[in-house]
Amino acid sequence: MGLASWYDRHVMPRLITLACGQKGIEDRRRGIVPRARGKVFELGCGGGLNQRFYDREAVTAFSGIDPHEGLLESAREAALARGWEVDLRQGSGEAIPFSSSSFDTVVCTYTLCSVSDHAKVVSELHRVLKPDGQLLFLEHGRAPDRGVVAWQERIEPIWKPLAGGCHLTRPVGGSLRAGGFEVEPLGQGYLEKAPRAMGWMEWGIARKRGQ
């Protein structure tokens, strides 16, 4: 196993879990995740960082995927402890292994930044969501300020291999709209105490256009 493979397998998932569990980000999760209802699908569910914020009584079944099998074990344990029907699988967002129109709620937090084919993943999220379902998103991405974007573009080539392929310059709400969603923004802004180039956040609810 080469150094890069060892880093990707053993170091990078722990660093991302630590970074995505900091207090400011947890506060954002607390504001969006409890809105989940019914049959829930979570993209990038490994590590179970969202588990404690779900409304146990409102969720009837919990499914998800993550590329890191090691992180899935803790997520499975946490979900089973809540008494849900659980189906968590290793996989990628470009080919979600669930049927079309399967879920009442899709949850996506700090995941779209790191997928390989961004448009394809958004298309897959649209596919698995029921016509009257909701996509709850909390993501970081391209900032609205030109000066910050300039730094994002400079840093991104170095940042991506260190942070699991994380892109700093991907638009959040705009990419969901381009993928057939209507977006209801609930908030946006820079994460406190984080470098602005890495700290632009957007969160809200997306629904299939025309539903």
C-alpha atoms as a PDB file:
ATOM      1  CA  MET A   1       0.000   0.000   0.000  1.00  0.00           C
ATOM      2  CA  GLY A   2       1.447   3.380  -1.042  1.00  0.00           C
ATOM      3  CA  LEU A   3       1.565   6.426   1.206  1.00  0.00           C
ATOM      4  CA  ALA A   4      -1.346   8.079  -0.622  1.00  0.00           C
ATOM      5  CA  SER A   5      -3.531   4.975  -0.282  1.00  0.00           C
ATOM      6  CA  TRP A   6      -2.622   4.607   3.396  1.00  0.00           C
ATOM      7  CA  TYR A   7      -3.486   8.275   4.011  1.00  0.00           C
ATOM      8  CA  ASP A   8      -6.829   7.959   2.179  1.00  0.00           C
ATOM      9  CA  ARG A   9      -7.752   4.800   4.088  1.00  0.00           C
ATOM     10  CA  HIS A  10      -6.580   5.566   7.627  1.00  0.00           C
ATOM     11  CA  VAL A  11      -5.924   9.293   8.122  1.00  0.00           C
ATOM     12  CA  MET A  12      -8.222  11.280   5.858  1.00  0.00           C
ATOM     13  CA  PRO A  13     -11.558   9.818   7.135  1.00  0.00           C
ATOM     14  CA  ARG A  14     -10.588  10.614  10.743  1.00  0.00           C
ATOM     15  CA  LEU A  15      -9.541  14.166   9.869  1.00  0.00           C
ATOM     16  CA  ILE A  16     -12.787  14.808   8.003  1.00  0.00           C
ATOM     17  CA  THR A  17     -14.875  13.347  10.827  1.00  0.00           C
ATOM     18  CA  LEU A  18     -13.064  15.591  13.312  1.00  0.00           C
ATOM     19  CA  ALA A  19     -13.432  18.715  11.150  1.00  0.00           C
ATOM     20  CA  CYS A  20     -17.106  18.060  10.387  1.00  0.00           C
ATOM     21  CA  GLY A  21     -17.895  17.500  14.053  1.00  0.00           C
ATOM     22  CA  GLN A  22     -16.746  20.883  15.340  1.00  0.00           C
ATOM     23  CA  LYS A  23     -19.238  22.962  17.316  1.00  0.00           C
ATOM     24  CA  GLY A  24     -20.193  25.509  14.660  1.00  0.00           C
ATOM     25  CA  ILE A  25     -20.978  22.755  12.197  1.00  0.00           C
ATOM     26  CA  GLU A  26     -22.891  20.763  14.804  1.00  0.00           C
ATOM     27  CA  ASP A  27     -25.089  23.796  15.395  1.00  0.00           C
ATOM     28  CA  ARG A  28     -25.938  23.854  11.683  1.00  0.00           C
ATOM     29  CA  ARG A  29     -26.713  20.115  11.706  1.00  0.00           C
ATOM     30  CA  ARG A  30     -29.024  20.650  14.660  1.00  0.00           C
ATOM     31  CA  GLY A  31     -30.994  23.166  12.620  1.00  0.00           C
ATOM     32  CA  ILE A  32     -31.536  21.031   9.511  1.00  0.00           C
ATOM     33  CA  VAL A  33     -31.382  17.278  10.297  1.00  0.00           C
ATOM     34  CA  PRO A  34     -34.400  17.124  12.701  1.00  0.00           C
ATOM     35  CA  ARG A  35     -36.634  18.095   9.758  1.00  0.00           C
ATOM     36  CA  ALA A  36     -36.230  14.582   8.289  1.00  0.00           C
ATOM     37  CA  ARG A  37     -39.416  12.506   8.104  1.00  0.00           C
ATOM     38  CA  GLY A  38     -40.488   9.018   7.013  1.00  0.00           C
ATOM     39  CA  LYS A  39     -38.095   6.848   5.039  1.00  0.00           C
ATOM     40  CA  VAL A  40     -34.746   8.638   5.084  1.00  0.00           C
ATOM     41  CA  PHE A  41     -31.730   8.291   2.817  1.00  0.00           C
ATOM     42  CA  GLU A  42     -28.444   9.913   3.837  1.00  0.00           C
ATOM     43  CA  LEU A  43     -25.616  10.463   1.367  1.00  0.00           C
ATOM     44  CA  GLY A  44     -22.222  10.121   3.060  1.00  0.00           C
ATOM     45  CA  CYS A  45     -23.632   8.634   6.265  1.00  0.00           C
ATOM     46  CA  GLY A  46     -20.364   7.092   7.507  1.00  0.00           C
ATOM     47  CA  GLY A  47     -19.309   8.036  11.006  1.00  0.00           C
ATOM     48  CA  GLY A  48     -22.911   8.714  12.034  1.00  0.00           C
ATOM     49  CA  LEU A  49     -22.354  12.423  12.698  1.00  0.00           C
ATOM     50  CA  ASN A  50     -26.007  13.244  11.988  1.00  0.00           C
ATOM     51  CA  GLN A  51     -27.497  10.391  14.005  1.00  0.00           C
ATOM     52  CA  ARG A  52     -28.181  12.197  17.265  1.00  0.00           C
ATOM     53  CA  PHE A  53     -29.976  15.039  15.504  1.00  0.00           C
ATOM     54  CA  TYR A  54     -32.685  12.958  13.840  1.00  0.00           C
ATOM     55  CA  ASP A  55     -36.154  12.969  15.390  1.00  0.00           C
ATOM     56  CA  ARG A  56     -36.407   9.334  16.416  1.00  0.00           C
ATOM     57  CA  GLU A  57     -40.205   9.334  16.314  1.00  0.00           C
ATOM     58  CA  ALA A  58     -40.444  10.994  12.894  1.00  0.00           C
ATOM     59  CA  VAL A  59     -38.054   8.637  11.046  1.00  0.00           C
ATOM     60  CA  THR A  60     -39.508   5.232  10.136  1.00  0.00           C
ATOM     61  CA  ALA A  61     -36.529   3.740   8.248  1.00  0.00           C
ATOM     62  CA  PHE A  62     -32.950   4.826   7.657  1.00  0.00           C
ATOM     63  CA  SER A  63     -30.808   4.032   4.610  1.00  0.00           C
ATOM     64  CA  GLY A  64     -27.563   5.466   3.349  1.00  0.00           C
ATOM     65  CA  ILE A  65     -24.272   4.995   1.567  1.00  0.00           C
ATOM     66  CA  ASP A  66     -20.659   5.900   2.193  1.00  0.00           C
ATOM     67  CA  PRO A  67     -17.474   4.924   0.318  1.00  0.00           C
ATOM     68  CA  HIS A  68     -15.632   4.061   3.560  1.00  0.00           C
ATOM     69  CA  GLU A  69     -16.724   0.708   4.974  1.00  0.00           C
ATOM     70  CA  GLY A  70     -14.906   1.314   8.263  1.00  0.00           C
ATOM     71  CA  LEU A  71     -16.934   4.440   8.964  1.00  0.00           C
ATOM     72  CA  LEU A  72     -20.189   2.648   8.194  1.00  0.00           C
ATOM     73  CA  GLU A  73     -19.934   0.346  11.205  1.00  0.00           C
ATOM     74  CA  SER A  74     -20.321   3.132  13.739  1.00  0.00           C
ATOM     75  CA  ALA A  75     -23.212   4.549  11.702  1.00  0.00           C
ATOM     76  CA  ARG A  76     -24.967   1.152  11.667  1.00  0.00           C
ATOM     77  CA  GLU A  77     -24.578   0.749  15.419  1.00  0.00           C
ATOM     78  CA  ALA A  78     -25.963   4.213  16.096  1.00  0.00           C
ATOM     79  CA  ALA A  79     -28.954   3.719  13.792  1.00  0.00           C
ATOM     80  CA  LEU A  80     -29.840   0.269  15.138  1.00  0.00           C
ATOM     81  CA  ALA A  81     -29.744   1.639  18.672  1.00  0.00           C
ATOM     82  CA  ARG A  82     -32.524   4.027  17.697  1.00  0.00           C
ATOM     83  CA  GLY A  83     -34.803   1.168  16.717  1.00  0.00           C
ATOM     84  CA  TRP A  84     -35.043   1.951  13.019  1.00  0.00           C
ATOM     85  CA  GLU A  85     -35.120  -0.353  10.025  1.00  0.00           C
ATOM     86  CA  VAL A  86     -31.556   0.162   8.787  1.00  0.00           C
ATOM     87  CA  ASP A  87     -29.894  -0.393   5.388  1.00  0.00           C
ATOM     88  CA  LEU A  88     -26.450   1.239   5.141  1.00  0.00           C
ATOM     89  CA  ARG A  89     -24.203   0.222   2.261  1.00  0.00           C
ATOM     90  CA  GLN A  90     -20.772   0.969   0.903  1.00  0.00           C
ATOM     91  CA  GLY A  91     -21.173   2.884  -2.336  1.00  0.00           C
ATOM     92  CA  SER A  92     -20.879   6.155  -4.235  1.00  0.00           C
ATOM     93  CA  GLY A  93     -23.378   8.881  -4.968  1.00  0.00           C
ATOM     94  CA  GLU A  94     -22.923   8.483  -8.720  1.00  0.00           C
ATOM     95  CA  ALA A  95     -24.746   5.125  -8.575  1.00  0.00           C
ATOM     96  CA  ILE A  96     -27.051   5.052  -5.545  1.00  0.00           C
ATOM     97  CA  PRO A  97     -28.109   1.390  -5.034  1.00  0.00           C
ATOM     98  CA  PHE A  98     -31.772   2.099  -4.251  1.00  0.00           C
ATOM     99  CA  SER A  99     -34.901   2.238  -6.402  1.00  0.00           C
ATOM    100  CA  SER A 100     -36.338   5.432  -7.843  1.00  0.00           C
ATOM    101  CA  SER A 101     -38.826   7.400  -5.720  1.00  0.00           C
ATOM    102  CA  SER A 102     -37.941   5.385  -2.604  1.00  0.00           C
ATOM    103  CA  PHE A 103     -37.469   8.053   0.073  1.00  0.00           C
ATOM    104  CA  ASP A 104     -39.519  10.724   1.794  1.00  0.00           C
ATOM    105  CA  THR A 105     -36.389  12.596   2.851  1.00  0.00           C
ATOM    106  CA  VAL A 106     -32.882  12.748   1.446  1.00  0.00           C
ATOM    107  CA  VAL A 107     -30.192  14.230   3.706  1.00  0.00           C
ATOM    108  CA  CYS A 108     -26.918  15.580   2.358  1.00  0.00           C
ATOM    109  CA  THR A 109     -24.461  17.306   4.696  1.00  0.00           C
ATOM    110  CA  TYR A 110     -20.890  18.254   3.744  1.00  0.00           C
ATOM    111  CA  THR A 111     -20.771  15.604   1.025  1.00  0.00           C
ATOM    112  CA  LEU A 112     -21.444  17.158  -2.387  1.00  0.00           C
ATOM    113  CA  CYS A 113     -18.122  18.979  -2.197  1.00  0.00           C
ATOM    114  CA  SER A 114     -16.168  15.725  -2.448  1.00  0.00           C
ATOM    115  CA  VAL A 115     -18.032  13.582  -5.001  1.00  0.00           C
ATOM    116  CA  SER A 116     -16.373  12.877  -8.356  1.00  0.00           C
ATOM    117  CA  ASP A 117     -19.269  13.651 -10.711  1.00  0.00           C
ATOM    118  CA  HIS A 118     -21.227  16.428  -9.065  1.00  0.00           C
ATOM    119  CA  ALA A 119     -24.052  16.665 -11.628  1.00  0.00           C
ATOM    120  CA  LYS A 120     -24.542  12.899 -11.680  1.00  0.00           C
ATOM    121  CA  VAL A 121     -24.855  12.722  -7.895  1.00  0.00           C
ATOM    122  CA  VAL A 122     -27.451  15.513  -7.836  1.00  0.00           C
ATOM    123  CA  SER A 123     -29.329  13.607 -10.560  1.00  0.00           C
ATOM    124  CA  GLU A 124     -29.239  10.433  -8.434  1.00  0.00           C
ATOM    125  CA  LEU A 125     -30.540  12.281  -5.371  1.00  0.00           C
ATOM    126  CA  HIS A 126     -33.386  13.591  -7.516  1.00  0.00           C
ATOM    127  CA  ARG A 127     -34.118  10.057  -8.759  1.00  0.00           C
ATOM    128  CA  VAL A 128     -34.389   8.324  -5.367  1.00  0.00           C
ATOM    129  CA  LEU A 129     -36.530  11.067  -3.808  1.00  0.00           C
ATOM    130  CA  LYS A 130     -40.310  10.632  -3.876  1.00  0.00           C
ATOM    131  CA  PRO A 131     -42.223  13.211  -5.958  1.00  0.00           C
ATOM    132  CA  ASP A 132     -43.486  14.936  -2.811  1.00  0.00           C
ATOM    133  CA  GLY A 133     -40.290  14.383  -0.801  1.00  0.00           C
ATOM    134  CA  GLN A 134     -37.725  16.808   0.534  1.00  0.00           C
ATOM    135  CA  LEU A 135     -33.957  17.039   0.211  1.00  0.00           C
ATOM    136  CA  LEU A 136     -32.347  18.581   3.296  1.00  0.00           C
ATOM    137  CA  PHE A 137     -28.935  20.034   2.492  1.00  0.00           C
ATOM    138  CA  LEU A 138     -26.131  21.601   4.493  1.00  0.00           C
ATOM    139  CA  GLU A 139     -23.053  22.164   2.364  1.00  0.00           C
ATOM    140  CA  HIS A 140     -20.045  24.377   1.979  1.00  0.00           C
ATOM    141  CA  GLY A 141     -18.855  25.676  -1.368  1.00  0.00           C
ATOM    142  CA  ARG A 142     -18.279  28.635  -3.631  1.00  0.00           C
ATOM    143  CA  ALA A 143     -18.428  31.932  -1.768  1.00  0.00           C
ATOM    144  CA  PRO A 144     -20.319  34.976  -3.100  1.00  0.00           C
ATOM    145  CA  ASP A 145     -17.345  37.334  -2.629  1.00  0.00           C
ATOM    146  CA  ARG A 146     -14.844  37.649  -5.483  1.00  0.00           C
ATOM    147  CA  GLY A 147     -11.852  38.030  -3.227  1.00  0.00           C
ATOM    148  CA  VAL A 148     -12.720  34.862  -1.327  1.00  0.00           C
ATOM    149  CA  VAL A 149     -13.372  32.939  -4.561  1.00  0.00           C
ATOM    150  CA  ALA A 150      -9.921  33.939  -5.821  1.00  0.00           C
ATOM    151  CA  TRP A 151      -8.388  32.322  -2.735  1.00  0.00           C
ATOM    152  CA  GLN A 152     -10.622  29.273  -3.087  1.00  0.00           C
ATOM    153  CA  GLU A 153      -9.365  28.783  -6.635  1.00  0.00           C
ATOM    154  CA  ARG A 154      -5.733  29.108  -5.518  1.00  0.00           C
ATOM    155  CA  ILE A 155      -6.076  26.719  -2.574  1.00  0.00           C
ATOM    156  CA  GLU A 156      -8.319  24.059  -4.136  1.00  0.00           C
ATOM    157  CA  PRO A 157      -5.635  22.084  -6.062  1.00  0.00           C
ATOM    158  CA  ILE A 158      -3.648  21.603  -2.831  1.00  0.00           C
ATOM    159  CA  TRP A 159      -6.688  21.159  -0.609  1.00  0.00           C
ATOM    160  CA  LYS A 160      -8.430  18.407  -2.608  1.00  0.00           C
ATOM    161  CA  PRO A 161      -5.933  15.555  -2.091  1.00  0.00           C
ATOM    162  CA  LEU A 162      -5.626  16.380   1.612  1.00  0.00           C
ATOM    163  CA  ALA A 163      -9.377  16.513   2.227  1.00  0.00           C
ATOM    164  CA  GLY A 164     -10.777  13.531   0.352  1.00  0.00           C
ATOM    165  CA  GLY A 165     -11.372  15.315  -2.937  1.00  0.00           C
ATOM    166  CA  CYS A 166     -13.189  18.259  -1.331  1.00  0.00           C
ATOM    167  CA  HIS A 167     -13.842  21.098  -3.789  1.00  0.00           C
ATOM    168  CA  LEU A 168     -14.001  24.645  -2.438  1.00  0.00           C
ATOM    169  CA  THR A 169     -15.461  26.259  -5.561  1.00  0.00           C
ATOM    170  CA  ARG A 170     -18.601  24.211  -6.233  1.00  0.00           C
ATOM    171  CA  PRO A 171     -21.861  26.187  -6.022  1.00  0.00           C
ATOM    172  CA  VAL A 172     -24.417  24.830  -3.557  1.00  0.00           C
ATOM    173  CA  GLY A 173     -27.932  26.108  -4.223  1.00  0.00           C
ATOM    174  CA  GLY A 174     -27.187  26.735  -7.896  1.00  0.00           C
ATOM    175  CA  SER A 175     -26.139  23.145  -8.512  1.00  0.00           C
ATOM    176  CA  LEU A 176     -29.370  21.822  -6.984  1.00  0.00           C
ATOM    177  CA  ARG A 177     -31.466  24.144  -9.130  1.00  0.00           C
ATOM    178  CA  ALA A 178     -29.553  22.994 -12.218  1.00  0.00           C
ATOM    179  CA  GLY A 179     -30.399  19.402 -11.230  1.00  0.00           C
ATOM    180  CA  GLY A 180     -34.162  19.881 -11.282  1.00  0.00           C
ATOM    181  CA  PHE A 181     -34.833  21.076  -7.733  1.00  0.00           C
ATOM    182  CA  GLU A 182     -36.628  24.090  -6.367  1.00  0.00           C
ATOM    183  CA  VAL A 183     -34.623  25.409  -3.423  1.00  0.00           C
ATOM    184  CA  GLU A 184     -35.940  26.978  -0.235  1.00  0.00           C
ATOM    185  CA  PRO A 185     -32.909  28.579   1.438  1.00  0.00           C
ATOM    186  CA  LEU A 186     -32.946  28.485   5.237  1.00  0.00           C
ATOM    187  CA  GLY A 187     -29.629  30.217   5.771  1.00  0.00           C
ATOM    188  CA  GLN A 188     -26.167  30.998   4.499  1.00  0.00           C
ATOM    189  CA  GLY A 189     -22.967  32.575   5.756  1.00  0.00           C
ATOM    190  CA  TYR A 190     -19.362  32.066   6.711  1.00  0.00           C
ATOM    191  CA  LEU A 191     -18.597  29.643   9.509  1.00  0.00           C
ATOM    192  CA  GLU A 192     -17.224  31.513  12.515  1.00  0.00           C
ATOM    193  CA  LYS A 193     -13.549  30.960  13.327  1.00  0.00           C
ATOM    194  CA  ALA A 194     -12.933  29.221   9.984  1.00  0.00           C
ATOM    195  CA  PRO A 195     -10.869  30.588   7.088  1.00  0.00           C
ATOM    196  CA  ARG A 196     -13.324  32.305   4.746  1.00  0.00           C
ATOM    197  CA  ALA A 197     -12.028  30.345   1.748  1.00  0.00           C
ATOM    198  CA  MET A 198     -13.165  27.136   3.465  1.00  0.00           C
ATOM    199  CA  GLY A 199     -16.085  28.451   5.472  1.00  0.00           C
ATOM    200  CA  TRP A 200     -18.925  29.485   3.149  1.00  0.00           C
ATOM    201  CA  MET A 201     -22.059  27.487   4.118  1.00  0.00           C
ATOM    202  CA  GLU A 202     -25.549  27.169   2.639  1.00  0.00           C
ATOM    203  CA  TRP A 203     -28.441  25.138   4.040  1.00  0.00           C
ATOM    204  CA  GLY A 204     -32.067  24.615   3.169  1.00  0.00           C
ATOM    205  CA  ILE A 205     -34.762  22.396   1.668  1.00  0.00           C
ATOM    206  CA  ALA A 206     -34.944  21.314  -1.974  1.00  0.00           C
ATOM    207  CA  ARG A 207     -37.954  19.744  -3.659  1.00  0.00           C
ATOM    208  CA  LYS A 208     -38.499  18.309  -7.121  1.00  0.00           C
ATOM    209  CA  ARG A 209     -39.423  21.099  -9.493  1.00  0.00           C
ATOM    210  CA  GLY A 210     -43.102  21.213 -10.343  1.00  0.00           C
ATOM    211  CA  GLN A 211     -44.225  19.040  -7.406  1.00  0.00           C
END
